[in-house]
């Protein structure tokens, strides 16, 4: 843990995990879409419907994201700090299931869908995520103490 980096309790870590993909998107990072292979919308190109020149028929999103500095500087720093915190401390997880579940959650997948993939209930997924948050919080506290000594 870097000096000056904030320590988060388990509840705060769980909230950061929940909002991780939203924070990365807000900062302009590419985030793996867990639903990319799902066919949720008809492919209009195959049925003769016109597509916009840049694949966006509505110009509003293009205009809204033209200027990437939408967020105030305070929020940018906060989001970067939280993303770095999760990235640094999640590497200490050992169990394969924990790593897999955290990967899917950080990429924005809903707990219900993670549960379907893992073959367990969404309550079990929430409990595993809670334990992951506790582990990350404990690891960061231990590394913070060791950096002080």
C-alpha atoms as a PDB file:
ATOM      1  CA  UNK A   1       0.000   0.000   0.000  1.00  0.00           C
ATOM      2  CA  UNK A   2       1.373   3.373  -0.945  1.00  0.00           C
ATOM      3  CA  UNK A   3       2.017   5.905   1.785  1.00  0.00           C
ATOM      4  CA  UNK A   4      -0.836   8.310   2.129  1.00  0.00           C
ATOM      5  CA  UNK A   5      -3.291   5.863   0.602  1.00  0.00           C
ATOM      6  CA  UNK A   6      -6.493   5.526   2.554  1.00  0.00           C
ATOM      7  CA  UNK A   7      -7.465   2.337   4.376  1.00  0.00           C
ATOM      8  CA  UNK A   8     -11.020   1.149   3.755  1.00  0.00           C
ATOM      9  CA  UNK A   9     -13.128  -1.047   6.018  1.00  0.00           C
ATOM     10  CA  UNK A  10     -14.909  -4.132   4.612  1.00  0.00           C
ATOM     11  CA  UNK A  11     -18.192  -2.301   3.915  1.00  0.00           C
ATOM     12  CA  UNK A  12     -16.357   0.431   2.000  1.00  0.00           C
ATOM     13  CA  UNK A  13     -14.361  -2.165   0.024  1.00  0.00           C
ATOM     14  CA  UNK A  14     -17.606  -3.936  -0.900  1.00  0.00           C
ATOM     15  CA  UNK A  15     -19.041  -0.639  -2.168  1.00  0.00           C
ATOM     16  CA  UNK A  16     -15.881   0.018  -4.205  1.00  0.00           C
ATOM     17  CA  UNK A  17     -16.139  -3.472  -5.719  1.00  0.00           C
ATOM     18  CA  UNK A  18     -19.775  -2.797  -6.646  1.00  0.00           C
ATOM     19  CA  UNK A  19     -18.934   0.525  -8.321  1.00  0.00           C
ATOM     20  CA  UNK A  20     -15.535  -0.445  -9.790  1.00  0.00           C
ATOM     21  CA  UNK A  21     -16.621  -0.846 -13.420  1.00  0.00           C
ATOM     22  CA  UNK A  22     -18.661   2.377 -13.281  1.00  0.00           C
ATOM     23  CA  UNK A  23     -15.684   4.302 -11.908  1.00  0.00           C
ATOM     24  CA  UNK A  24     -13.371   2.923 -14.625  1.00  0.00           C
ATOM     25  CA  UNK A  25     -15.856   3.823 -17.359  1.00  0.00           C
ATOM     26  CA  UNK A  26     -16.288   7.307 -15.893  1.00  0.00           C
ATOM     27  CA  UNK A  27     -12.520   7.794 -16.097  1.00  0.00           C
ATOM     28  CA  UNK A  28     -12.504   6.661 -19.721  1.00  0.00           C
ATOM     29  CA  UNK A  29     -10.864   3.250 -19.239  1.00  0.00           C
ATOM     30  CA  UNK A  30     -11.859   0.313 -21.398  1.00  0.00           C
ATOM     31  CA  UNK A  31     -13.775  -2.193 -19.288  1.00  0.00           C
ATOM     32  CA  UNK A  32     -14.394  -5.747 -20.433  1.00  0.00           C
ATOM     33  CA  UNK A  33     -18.110  -6.128 -21.057  1.00  0.00           C
ATOM     34  CA  UNK A  34     -19.212  -9.398 -19.433  1.00  0.00           C
ATOM     35  CA  UNK A  35     -22.302  -9.465 -21.618  1.00  0.00           C
ATOM     36  CA  UNK A  36     -20.459  -8.920 -24.923  1.00  0.00           C
ATOM     37  CA  UNK A  37     -21.271 -12.393 -26.221  1.00  0.00           C
ATOM     38  CA  UNK A  38     -24.970 -12.192 -25.374  1.00  0.00           C
ATOM     39  CA  UNK A  39     -27.285 -11.309 -28.227  1.00  0.00           C
ATOM     40  CA  UNK A  40     -29.578  -8.791 -26.576  1.00  0.00           C
ATOM     41  CA  UNK A  41     -30.361  -6.530 -29.530  1.00  0.00           C
ATOM     42  CA  UNK A  42     -31.123  -7.515 -33.085  1.00  0.00           C
ATOM     43  CA  UNK A  43     -28.328  -6.891 -35.555  1.00  0.00           C
ATOM     44  CA  UNK A  44     -29.998  -4.262 -37.727  1.00  0.00           C
ATOM     45  CA  UNK A  45     -27.281  -4.421 -40.367  1.00  0.00           C
ATOM     46  CA  UNK A  46     -28.414  -7.922 -41.319  1.00  0.00           C
ATOM     47  CA  UNK A  47     -32.021  -6.920 -41.901  1.00  0.00           C
ATOM     48  CA  UNK A  48     -31.364  -3.852 -43.999  1.00  0.00           C
ATOM     49  CA  UNK A  49     -31.852  -1.123 -41.377  1.00  0.00           C
ATOM     50  CA  UNK A  50     -29.468   1.844 -41.724  1.00  0.00           C
ATOM     51  CA  UNK A  51     -26.634   2.276 -39.242  1.00  0.00           C
ATOM     52  CA  UNK A  52     -25.033   5.554 -38.315  1.00  0.00           C
ATOM     53  CA  UNK A  53     -21.674   6.395 -39.889  1.00  0.00           C
ATOM     54  CA  UNK A  54     -19.847   5.840 -36.587  1.00  0.00           C
ATOM     55  CA  UNK A  55     -22.184   3.058 -35.390  1.00  0.00           C
ATOM     56  CA  UNK A  56     -23.978   5.606 -33.180  1.00  0.00           C
ATOM     57  CA  UNK A  57     -27.182   6.793 -34.737  1.00  0.00           C
ATOM     58  CA  UNK A  58     -27.958   9.150 -31.849  1.00  0.00           C
ATOM     59  CA  UNK A  59     -25.379  11.982 -31.750  1.00  0.00           C
ATOM     60  CA  UNK A  60     -26.026  12.769 -28.058  1.00  0.00           C
ATOM     61  CA  UNK A  61     -23.608  10.184 -26.553  1.00  0.00           C
ATOM     62  CA  UNK A  62     -20.913  11.234 -29.010  1.00  0.00           C
ATOM     63  CA  UNK A  63     -21.371  14.884 -28.050  1.00  0.00           C
ATOM     64  CA  UNK A  64     -21.552  14.091 -24.330  1.00  0.00           C
ATOM     65  CA  UNK A  65     -18.298  12.124 -24.297  1.00  0.00           C
ATOM     66  CA  UNK A  66     -16.430  14.372 -26.713  1.00  0.00           C
ATOM     67  CA  UNK A  67     -15.024  16.281 -23.737  1.00  0.00           C
ATOM     68  CA  UNK A  68     -13.554  13.616 -21.430  1.00  0.00           C
ATOM     69  CA  UNK A  69     -13.133  15.943 -18.449  1.00  0.00           C
ATOM     70  CA  UNK A  70     -16.743  15.651 -17.346  1.00  0.00           C
ATOM     71  CA  UNK A  71     -15.826  14.676 -13.767  1.00  0.00           C
ATOM     72  CA  UNK A  72     -14.509  17.199 -11.261  1.00  0.00           C
ATOM     73  CA  UNK A  73     -10.810  16.755 -10.424  1.00  0.00           C
ATOM     74  CA  UNK A  74     -11.680  15.688  -6.859  1.00  0.00           C
ATOM     75  CA  UNK A  75     -13.769  12.784  -8.169  1.00  0.00           C
ATOM     76  CA  UNK A  76     -11.089  11.776 -10.675  1.00  0.00           C
ATOM     77  CA  UNK A  77      -8.519  11.518  -7.863  1.00  0.00           C
ATOM     78  CA  UNK A  78     -10.947   9.637  -5.616  1.00  0.00           C
ATOM     79  CA  UNK A  79     -11.876   7.152  -8.347  1.00  0.00           C
ATOM     80  CA  UNK A  80      -8.242   6.598  -9.315  1.00  0.00           C
ATOM     81  CA  UNK A  81      -7.332   6.025  -5.682  1.00  0.00           C
ATOM     82  CA  UNK A  82     -10.118   3.463  -5.212  1.00  0.00           C
ATOM     83  CA  UNK A  83      -9.323   1.643  -8.469  1.00  0.00           C
ATOM     84  CA  UNK A  84      -5.628   1.465  -7.523  1.00  0.00           C
ATOM     85  CA  UNK A  85      -6.559   0.209  -4.051  1.00  0.00           C
ATOM     86  CA  UNK A  86      -8.579  -2.704  -5.465  1.00  0.00           C
ATOM     87  CA  UNK A  87      -6.003  -3.499  -8.162  1.00  0.00           C
ATOM     88  CA  UNK A  88      -3.128  -3.614  -5.663  1.00  0.00           C
ATOM     89  CA  UNK A  89      -4.865  -5.581  -2.944  1.00  0.00           C
ATOM     90  CA  UNK A  90      -6.916  -8.050  -4.999  1.00  0.00           C
ATOM     91  CA  UNK A  91      -3.724  -9.730  -6.188  1.00  0.00           C
ATOM     92  CA  UNK A  92      -3.393 -11.303  -2.733  1.00  0.00           C
ATOM     93  CA  UNK A  93      -6.484 -13.491  -3.145  1.00  0.00           C
ATOM     94  CA  UNK A  94      -5.598 -17.192  -3.289  1.00  0.00           C
ATOM     95  CA  UNK A  95      -8.798 -19.174  -3.905  1.00  0.00           C
ATOM     96  CA  UNK A  96      -9.640 -19.681  -7.573  1.00  0.00           C
ATOM     97  CA  UNK A  97     -13.364 -19.156  -6.976  1.00  0.00           C
ATOM     98  CA  UNK A  98     -12.722 -15.852  -5.180  1.00  0.00           C
ATOM     99  CA  UNK A  99     -10.536 -14.638  -8.043  1.00  0.00           C
ATOM    100  CA  UNK A 100     -13.124 -15.652 -10.643  1.00  0.00           C
ATOM    101  CA  UNK A 101     -16.073 -14.110  -8.810  1.00  0.00           C
ATOM    102  CA  UNK A 102     -14.157 -10.886  -8.170  1.00  0.00           C
ATOM    103  CA  UNK A 103     -13.140 -10.711 -11.846  1.00  0.00           C
ATOM    104  CA  UNK A 104     -16.746 -10.976 -13.018  1.00  0.00           C
ATOM    105  CA  UNK A 105     -17.981  -8.496 -10.410  1.00  0.00           C
ATOM    106  CA  UNK A 106     -15.262  -5.949 -11.262  1.00  0.00           C
ATOM    107  CA  UNK A 107     -16.151  -6.216 -14.938  1.00  0.00           C
ATOM    108  CA  UNK A 108     -19.729  -5.225 -14.099  1.00  0.00           C
ATOM    109  CA  UNK A 109     -21.595  -8.522 -14.033  1.00  0.00           C
ATOM    110  CA  UNK A 110     -24.615  -8.772 -11.718  1.00  0.00           C
ATOM    111  CA  UNK A 111     -24.468 -11.235  -8.813  1.00  0.00           C
ATOM    112  CA  UNK A 112     -27.442 -13.126 -10.201  1.00  0.00           C
ATOM    113  CA  UNK A 113     -25.555 -13.874 -13.427  1.00  0.00           C
ATOM    114  CA  UNK A 114     -22.336 -14.757 -11.594  1.00  0.00           C
ATOM    115  CA  UNK A 115     -24.355 -17.222  -9.528  1.00  0.00           C
ATOM    116  CA  UNK A 116     -25.712 -18.836 -12.689  1.00  0.00           C
ATOM    117  CA  UNK A 117     -22.178 -19.201 -14.070  1.00  0.00           C
ATOM    118  CA  UNK A 118     -20.821 -20.656 -10.837  1.00  0.00           C
ATOM    119  CA  UNK A 119     -23.813 -22.905 -10.195  1.00  0.00           C
ATOM    120  CA  UNK A 120     -24.572 -21.462  -6.760  1.00  0.00           C
ATOM    121  CA  UNK A 121     -27.152 -19.048  -5.350  1.00  0.00           C
ATOM    122  CA  UNK A 122     -26.785 -15.283  -5.524  1.00  0.00           C
ATOM    123  CA  UNK A 123     -26.833 -15.217  -1.698  1.00  0.00           C
ATOM    124  CA  UNK A 124     -23.682 -17.359  -1.728  1.00  0.00           C
ATOM    125  CA  UNK A 125     -22.112 -14.961  -4.245  1.00  0.00           C
ATOM    126  CA  UNK A 126     -22.899 -12.000  -1.967  1.00  0.00           C
ATOM    127  CA  UNK A 127     -21.387 -13.876   1.001  1.00  0.00           C
ATOM    128  CA  UNK A 128     -18.241 -14.671  -1.001  1.00  0.00           C
ATOM    129  CA  UNK A 129     -17.983 -11.016  -2.083  1.00  0.00           C
ATOM    130  CA  UNK A 130     -18.386  -9.955   1.558  1.00  0.00           C
ATOM    131  CA  UNK A 131     -15.529 -12.295   2.566  1.00  0.00           C
ATOM    132  CA  UNK A 132     -13.393 -10.992  -0.301  1.00  0.00           C
ATOM    133  CA  UNK A 133     -14.024  -7.422   0.905  1.00  0.00           C
ATOM    134  CA  UNK A 134     -13.021  -8.395   4.454  1.00  0.00           C
ATOM    135  CA  UNK A 135      -9.866 -10.085   3.166  1.00  0.00           C
ATOM    136  CA  UNK A 136      -8.867  -7.086   1.035  1.00  0.00           C
ATOM    137  CA  UNK A 137      -9.551  -4.726   3.947  1.00  0.00           C
ATOM    138  CA  UNK A 138      -7.465  -6.882   6.327  1.00  0.00           C
ATOM    139  CA  UNK A 139      -4.612  -7.216   3.824  1.00  0.00           C
ATOM    140  CA  UNK A 140      -4.504  -3.462   3.277  1.00  0.00           C
ATOM    141  CA  UNK A 141      -4.514  -2.821   7.036  1.00  0.00           C
ATOM    142  CA  UNK A 142      -1.641  -5.284   7.552  1.00  0.00           C
ATOM    143  CA  UNK A 143       0.405  -3.806   4.704  1.00  0.00           C
ATOM    144  CA  UNK A 144      -0.315  -0.306   6.024  1.00  0.00           C
ATOM    145  CA  UNK A 145       0.990  -1.305   9.467  1.00  0.00           C
ATOM    146  CA  UNK A 146       4.075  -2.944   7.971  1.00  0.00           C
ATOM    147  CA  UNK A 147       4.828   0.206   5.941  1.00  0.00           C
ATOM    148  CA  UNK A 148       4.673   2.332   9.115  1.00  0.00           C
ATOM    149  CA  UNK A 149       7.210   0.175  10.995  1.00  0.00           C
END
